[in-house]
Amino acid sequence: MKSTFAVAGLIGLFALMPKTKILGRWETKPSPKGSITGVVFYKDNTYEGYVNKKPFVSGKYELRGNTIRIEETGCNGLKAFYKLILFSHSDSMRFEPINDSCAERKEGMQRIILGRVK
């Protein structure tokens, strides 16, 4: 019985581990015009996106392995799936589209590289 709880606990821990890698604040380097785009991933599977500290989008996310599903207030609520690529000791991230029918979001997501804010 104890081993069953231990195995269940480990499975639960492994299921949560990838999500913890993205929790917190991430930002781009300043653009040539000085704008900084960022996103904050919260524990409750919500996120907020901003430009120069002004919110412009919010929604929900789900992370499974290296696939992130997002659903936001923009794009008429259309869901999107992206491959999440963490690099540079998991302090940077970028996205590759898997399925996103919102052209504006897809264009922005493909161009963005975010760094962890410490």
N, C-alpha and C. Protein backbone atom coordinates (compact mmCIF):
# COMPACT_ATOMS: atom_id res chain seq x y z
N MET A 1 0.82 -1.19 0.00
CA MET A 1 0.00 0.00 0.00
C MET A 1 0.87 1.26 0.00
N LYS A 2 1.92 1.27 0.83
CA LYS A 2 2.80 2.43 0.89
C LYS A 2 3.49 2.65 -0.45
N SER A 3 3.88 1.56 -1.11
CA SER A 3 4.55 1.70 -2.39
C SER A 3 3.61 2.27 -3.45
N THR A 4 2.31 1.94 -3.35
CA THR A 4 1.33 2.48 -4.29
C THR A 4 1.23 4.00 -4.13
N PHE A 5 1.20 4.47 -2.88
CA PHE A 5 1.15 5.91 -2.64
C PHE A 5 2.43 6.59 -3.10
N ALA A 6 3.56 5.93 -2.89
CA ALA A 6 4.84 6.50 -3.32
C ALA A 6 4.90 6.63 -4.83
N VAL A 7 4.46 5.61 -5.55
CA VAL A 7 4.45 5.66 -7.02
C VAL A 7 3.49 6.74 -7.49
N ALA A 8 2.30 6.81 -6.89
CA ALA A 8 1.33 7.83 -7.28
C ALA A 8 1.89 9.23 -7.02
N GLY A 9 2.58 9.39 -5.90
CA GLY A 9 3.20 10.68 -5.58
C GLY A 9 4.26 11.07 -6.59
N LEU A 10 5.09 10.10 -7.00
CA LEU A 10 6.12 10.38 -8.00
C LEU A 10 5.51 10.73 -9.35
N ILE A 11 4.47 10.02 -9.74
CA ILE A 11 3.80 10.33 -11.01
C ILE A 11 3.24 11.75 -10.96
N GLY A 12 2.61 12.10 -9.85
CA GLY A 12 2.08 13.46 -9.69
C GLY A 12 3.17 14.50 -9.72
N LEU A 13 4.30 14.21 -9.10
CA LEU A 13 5.44 15.13 -9.10
C LEU A 13 5.97 15.33 -10.50
N PHE A 14 6.14 14.24 -11.25
CA PHE A 14 6.64 14.36 -12.61
C PHE A 14 5.64 15.09 -13.51
N ALA A 15 4.37 14.93 -13.27
CA ALA A 15 3.37 15.63 -14.07
C ALA A 15 3.44 17.13 -13.84
N LEU A 16 3.81 17.54 -12.65
CA LEU A 16 3.88 18.96 -12.34
C LEU A 16 5.23 19.59 -12.68
N MET A 17 6.26 18.82 -12.78
CA MET A 17 7.60 19.37 -12.97
C MET A 17 7.73 20.27 -14.19
N PRO A 18 7.27 19.88 -15.38
CA PRO A 18 7.47 20.76 -16.52
C PRO A 18 6.81 22.12 -16.33
N LYS A 19 5.64 22.15 -15.74
CA LYS A 19 4.93 23.41 -15.55
C LYS A 19 5.75 24.37 -14.68
N THR A 20 6.42 23.85 -13.66
CA THR A 20 7.17 24.73 -12.78
C THR A 20 8.33 25.39 -13.50
N LYS A 21 8.77 24.81 -14.59
CA LYS A 21 9.87 25.42 -15.35
C LYS A 21 9.47 26.73 -16.00
N ILE A 22 8.19 26.95 -16.25
CA ILE A 22 7.78 28.17 -16.93
C ILE A 22 7.10 29.18 -16.01
N LEU A 23 6.83 28.81 -14.77
CA LEU A 23 6.15 29.73 -13.87
C LEU A 23 6.98 30.99 -13.68
N GLY A 24 6.30 32.13 -13.59
CA GLY A 24 6.97 33.39 -13.34
C GLY A 24 6.94 34.33 -14.53
N ARG A 25 7.79 35.34 -14.47
CA ARG A 25 7.82 36.42 -15.45
C ARG A 25 8.90 36.17 -16.50
N TRP A 26 8.53 36.39 -17.77
CA TRP A 26 9.42 36.25 -18.92
C TRP A 26 9.29 37.50 -19.77
N GLU A 27 10.42 38.00 -20.31
CA GLU A 27 10.38 39.21 -21.13
C GLU A 27 11.34 39.12 -22.31
N THR A 28 11.02 39.92 -23.33
CA THR A 28 11.92 40.05 -24.48
C THR A 28 12.99 41.09 -24.13
N LYS A 29 14.02 41.12 -24.94
CA LYS A 29 14.97 42.24 -24.87
C LYS A 29 14.25 43.44 -25.47
N PRO A 30 14.66 44.65 -25.13
CA PRO A 30 14.00 45.83 -25.70
C PRO A 30 14.12 45.84 -27.23
N SER A 31 13.03 46.20 -27.90
CA SER A 31 13.02 46.33 -29.35
C SER A 31 13.80 47.59 -29.74
N PRO A 32 14.06 47.81 -31.03
CA PRO A 32 14.73 49.04 -31.45
C PRO A 32 14.00 50.31 -30.97
N LYS A 33 12.69 50.22 -30.80
CA LYS A 33 11.92 51.36 -30.29
C LYS A 33 11.85 51.40 -28.77
N GLY A 34 12.44 50.40 -28.11
CA GLY A 34 12.47 50.36 -26.65
C GLY A 34 11.34 49.59 -26.00
N SER A 35 10.47 48.98 -26.78
CA SER A 35 9.34 48.23 -26.21
C SER A 35 9.81 46.88 -25.66
N ILE A 36 9.22 46.50 -24.55
CA ILE A 36 9.48 45.19 -23.94
C ILE A 36 8.17 44.45 -23.84
N THR A 37 8.12 43.24 -24.43
CA THR A 37 6.95 42.38 -24.36
C THR A 37 7.22 41.32 -23.31
N GLY A 38 6.21 40.99 -22.53
CA GLY A 38 6.41 39.98 -21.50
C GLY A 38 5.16 39.17 -21.23
N VAL A 39 5.36 38.13 -20.47
CA VAL A 39 4.26 37.27 -20.05
C VAL A 39 4.57 36.75 -18.65
N VAL A 40 3.51 36.58 -17.86
CA VAL A 40 3.63 35.99 -16.54
C VAL A 40 2.78 34.73 -16.53
N PHE A 41 3.40 33.58 -16.22
CA PHE A 41 2.69 32.31 -16.09
C PHE A 41 2.45 32.06 -14.61
N TYR A 42 1.19 31.83 -14.25
CA TYR A 42 0.80 31.61 -12.86
C TYR A 42 0.54 30.12 -12.59
N LYS A 43 0.60 29.76 -11.31
CA LYS A 43 0.39 28.37 -10.88
C LYS A 43 -1.00 27.85 -11.23
N ASP A 44 -1.97 28.73 -11.30
CA ASP A 44 -3.35 28.30 -11.55
C ASP A 44 -3.66 28.13 -13.04
N ASN A 45 -2.62 28.00 -13.87
CA ASN A 45 -2.73 27.80 -15.32
C ASN A 45 -3.32 28.99 -16.05
N THR A 46 -3.13 30.18 -15.52
CA THR A 46 -3.50 31.40 -16.24
C THR A 46 -2.22 32.15 -16.57
N TYR A 47 -2.34 33.07 -17.51
CA TYR A 47 -1.20 33.91 -17.87
C TYR A 47 -1.69 35.29 -18.25
N GLU A 48 -0.78 36.26 -18.19
CA GLU A 48 -1.05 37.63 -18.62
C GLU A 48 0.10 38.08 -19.49
N GLY A 49 -0.22 38.65 -20.64
CA GLY A 49 0.78 39.21 -21.53
C GLY A 49 0.73 40.73 -21.47
N TYR A 50 1.87 41.38 -21.64
CA TYR A 50 1.93 42.83 -21.55
C TYR A 50 3.00 43.39 -22.49
N VAL A 51 2.85 44.65 -22.82
CA VAL A 51 3.87 45.41 -23.54
C VAL A 51 4.15 46.65 -22.71
N ASN A 52 5.42 46.84 -22.35
CA ASN A 52 5.81 47.97 -21.51
C ASN A 52 4.97 48.04 -20.23
N LYS A 53 4.77 46.88 -19.61
CA LYS A 53 4.04 46.73 -18.35
C LYS A 53 2.54 46.98 -18.46
N LYS A 54 2.03 47.21 -19.68
CA LYS A 54 0.59 47.41 -19.87
C LYS A 54 -0.03 46.11 -20.40
N PRO A 55 -0.99 45.53 -19.66
CA PRO A 55 -1.61 44.27 -20.10
C PRO A 55 -2.30 44.41 -21.46
N PHE A 56 -2.14 43.38 -22.29
CA PHE A 56 -2.84 43.38 -23.57
C PHE A 56 -3.54 42.06 -23.86
N VAL A 57 -3.21 41.01 -23.12
CA VAL A 57 -3.86 39.73 -23.33
C VAL A 57 -3.79 38.91 -22.04
N SER A 58 -4.78 38.06 -21.85
CA SER A 58 -4.75 37.13 -20.72
C SER A 58 -5.47 35.87 -21.17
N GLY A 59 -5.23 34.81 -20.44
CA GLY A 59 -5.89 33.56 -20.80
C GLY A 59 -5.46 32.41 -19.92
N LYS A 60 -5.70 31.22 -20.44
CA LYS A 60 -5.35 29.98 -19.74
C LYS A 60 -4.35 29.21 -20.57
N TYR A 61 -3.53 28.43 -19.89
CA TYR A 61 -2.57 27.57 -20.59
C TYR A 61 -2.55 26.20 -19.94
N GLU A 62 -2.13 25.23 -20.71
CA GLU A 62 -1.92 23.88 -20.19
C GLU A 62 -0.63 23.38 -20.81
N LEU A 63 0.25 22.88 -20.00
CA LEU A 63 1.54 22.37 -20.46
C LEU A 63 1.58 20.87 -20.28
N ARG A 64 1.82 20.16 -21.38
CA ARG A 64 1.98 18.70 -21.35
C ARG A 64 3.25 18.37 -22.08
N GLY A 65 4.26 17.95 -21.34
CA GLY A 65 5.57 17.71 -21.93
C GLY A 65 6.10 19.02 -22.47
N ASN A 66 6.39 19.05 -23.77
CA ASN A 66 6.88 20.30 -24.36
C ASN A 66 5.81 20.95 -25.25
N THR A 67 4.55 20.58 -25.07
CA THR A 67 3.46 21.18 -25.82
C THR A 67 2.64 22.07 -24.89
N ILE A 68 2.43 23.31 -25.33
CA ILE A 68 1.63 24.24 -24.54
C ILE A 68 0.36 24.57 -25.33
N ARG A 69 -0.77 24.46 -24.65
CA ARG A 69 -2.06 24.84 -25.23
C ARG A 69 -2.44 26.17 -24.60
N ILE A 70 -2.81 27.13 -25.44
CA ILE A 70 -3.22 28.42 -24.91
C ILE A 70 -4.61 28.77 -25.40
N GLU A 71 -5.34 29.44 -24.54
CA GLU A 71 -6.67 29.96 -24.84
C GLU A 71 -6.70 31.35 -24.23
N GLU A 72 -6.97 32.36 -25.06
CA GLU A 72 -6.86 33.73 -24.58
C GLU A 72 -8.08 34.56 -24.91
N THR A 73 -8.06 35.78 -24.42
CA THR A 73 -9.17 36.70 -24.64
C THR A 73 -9.20 37.20 -26.08
N GLY A 74 -8.06 37.25 -26.76
CA GLY A 74 -8.01 37.67 -28.16
C GLY A 74 -8.28 36.49 -29.07
N CYS A 75 -8.24 36.71 -30.36
CA CYS A 75 -8.42 35.65 -31.37
C CYS A 75 -9.75 34.92 -31.21
N ASN A 76 -10.76 35.62 -30.75
CA ASN A 76 -12.11 35.05 -30.60
C ASN A 76 -12.13 33.77 -29.78
N GLY A 77 -11.22 33.64 -28.84
CA GLY A 77 -11.19 32.47 -27.97
C GLY A 77 -10.66 31.21 -28.61
N LEU A 78 -10.09 31.32 -29.82
CA LEU A 78 -9.53 30.14 -30.49
C LEU A 78 -8.36 29.58 -29.70
N LYS A 79 -8.34 28.28 -29.52
CA LYS A 79 -7.24 27.62 -28.82
C LYS A 79 -6.08 27.42 -29.80
N ALA A 80 -4.89 27.35 -29.24
CA ALA A 80 -3.70 27.14 -30.06
C ALA A 80 -2.77 26.17 -29.36
N PHE A 81 -1.99 25.44 -30.15
CA PHE A 81 -1.00 24.50 -29.64
C PHE A 81 0.36 24.86 -30.20
N TYR A 82 1.34 24.94 -29.32
CA TYR A 82 2.71 25.27 -29.71
C TYR A 82 3.68 24.32 -29.03
N LYS A 83 4.78 24.08 -29.71
CA LYS A 83 5.89 23.37 -29.10
C LYS A 83 6.68 24.42 -28.33
N LEU A 84 6.85 24.18 -27.05
CA LEU A 84 7.60 25.08 -26.18
C LEU A 84 9.05 24.62 -26.18
N ILE A 85 9.94 25.51 -26.54
CA ILE A 85 11.36 25.18 -26.58
C ILE A 85 12.09 26.02 -25.53
N LEU A 86 12.55 25.35 -24.50
CA LEU A 86 13.36 25.99 -23.47
C LEU A 86 14.82 25.77 -23.82
N PHE A 87 15.64 26.82 -23.67
CA PHE A 87 17.06 26.70 -23.97
C PHE A 87 17.85 27.62 -23.06
N SER A 88 19.17 27.58 -23.18
CA SER A 88 20.06 28.37 -22.35
C SER A 88 19.78 28.12 -20.86
N HIS A 89 19.92 26.85 -20.48
CA HIS A 89 19.70 26.41 -19.09
C HIS A 89 18.27 26.69 -18.63
N SER A 90 17.31 26.59 -19.54
CA SER A 90 15.89 26.83 -19.28
C SER A 90 15.59 28.26 -18.85
N ASP A 91 16.48 29.20 -19.20
CA ASP A 91 16.26 30.61 -18.90
C ASP A 91 15.73 31.39 -20.10
N SER A 92 15.53 30.71 -21.23
CA SER A 92 14.98 31.35 -22.42
C SER A 92 13.96 30.39 -23.04
N MET A 93 12.98 30.97 -23.73
CA MET A 93 11.97 30.14 -24.39
C MET A 93 11.56 30.76 -25.72
N ARG A 94 11.16 29.87 -26.62
CA ARG A 94 10.55 30.27 -27.87
C ARG A 94 9.49 29.24 -28.22
N PHE A 95 8.69 29.53 -29.25
CA PHE A 95 7.54 28.71 -29.58
C PHE A 95 7.55 28.33 -31.05
N GLU A 96 7.21 27.09 -31.36
CA GLU A 96 7.00 26.64 -32.74
C GLU A 96 5.54 26.22 -32.87
N PRO A 97 4.83 26.73 -33.88
CA PRO A 97 3.41 26.41 -34.01
C PRO A 97 3.16 24.94 -34.35
N ILE A 98 2.19 24.39 -33.69
CA ILE A 98 1.69 23.05 -34.02
C ILE A 98 0.33 23.22 -34.70
N ASN A 99 -0.55 24.00 -34.06
CA ASN A 99 -1.87 24.25 -34.62
C ASN A 99 -2.38 25.57 -34.06
N ASP A 100 -2.49 26.58 -34.92
CA ASP A 100 -3.02 27.88 -34.51
C ASP A 100 -3.67 28.53 -35.73
N SER A 101 -4.99 28.70 -35.69
CA SER A 101 -5.70 29.28 -36.83
C SER A 101 -5.83 30.80 -36.71
N CYS A 102 -5.24 31.40 -35.70
CA CYS A 102 -5.25 32.86 -35.55
C CYS A 102 -3.93 33.41 -36.11
N ALA A 103 -4.00 33.97 -37.31
CA ALA A 103 -2.79 34.41 -38.03
C ALA A 103 -1.99 35.45 -37.25
N GLU A 104 -2.66 36.41 -36.62
CA GLU A 104 -1.96 37.47 -35.90
C GLU A 104 -1.17 36.90 -34.71
N ARG A 105 -1.80 36.04 -33.95
CA ARG A 105 -1.12 35.43 -32.80
C ARG A 105 0.02 34.55 -33.28
N LYS A 106 -0.23 33.75 -34.31
CA LYS A 106 0.79 32.84 -34.83
C LYS A 106 2.03 33.61 -35.28
N GLU A 107 1.83 34.71 -35.97
CA GLU A 107 2.96 35.52 -36.43
C GLU A 107 3.77 36.05 -35.24
N GLY A 108 3.09 36.56 -34.23
CA GLY A 108 3.77 37.08 -33.06
C GLY A 108 4.48 36.01 -32.26
N MET A 109 3.85 34.87 -32.09
CA MET A 109 4.44 33.78 -31.31
C MET A 109 5.69 33.22 -31.96
N GLN A 110 5.71 33.16 -33.29
CA GLN A 110 6.88 32.60 -33.99
C GLN A 110 8.10 33.51 -33.88
N ARG A 111 7.88 34.81 -33.69
CA ARG A 111 8.98 35.77 -33.66
C ARG A 111 9.54 35.99 -32.26
N ILE A 112 8.80 35.67 -31.24
CA ILE A 112 9.16 36.07 -29.89
C ILE A 112 10.15 35.10 -29.23
N ILE A 113 11.13 35.67 -28.56
CA ILE A 113 12.04 34.92 -27.70
C ILE A 113 12.00 35.61 -26.35
N LEU A 114 11.69 34.84 -25.33
CA LEU A 114 11.54 35.39 -23.98
C LEU A 114 12.64 34.88 -23.07
N GLY A 115 13.08 35.74 -22.17
CA GLY A 115 14.05 35.35 -21.15
C GLY A 115 13.42 35.45 -19.78
N ARG A 116 13.84 34.56 -18.91
CA ARG A 116 13.31 34.55 -17.54
C ARG A 116 13.76 35.81 -16.81
N VAL A 117 12.83 36.45 -16.09
CA VAL A 117 13.15 37.61 -15.28
C VAL A 117 13.41 37.11 -13.87
N LYS A 118 14.59 37.39 -13.37
CA LYS A 118 14.96 36.88 -12.04
C LYS A 118 14.81 37.94 -10.98
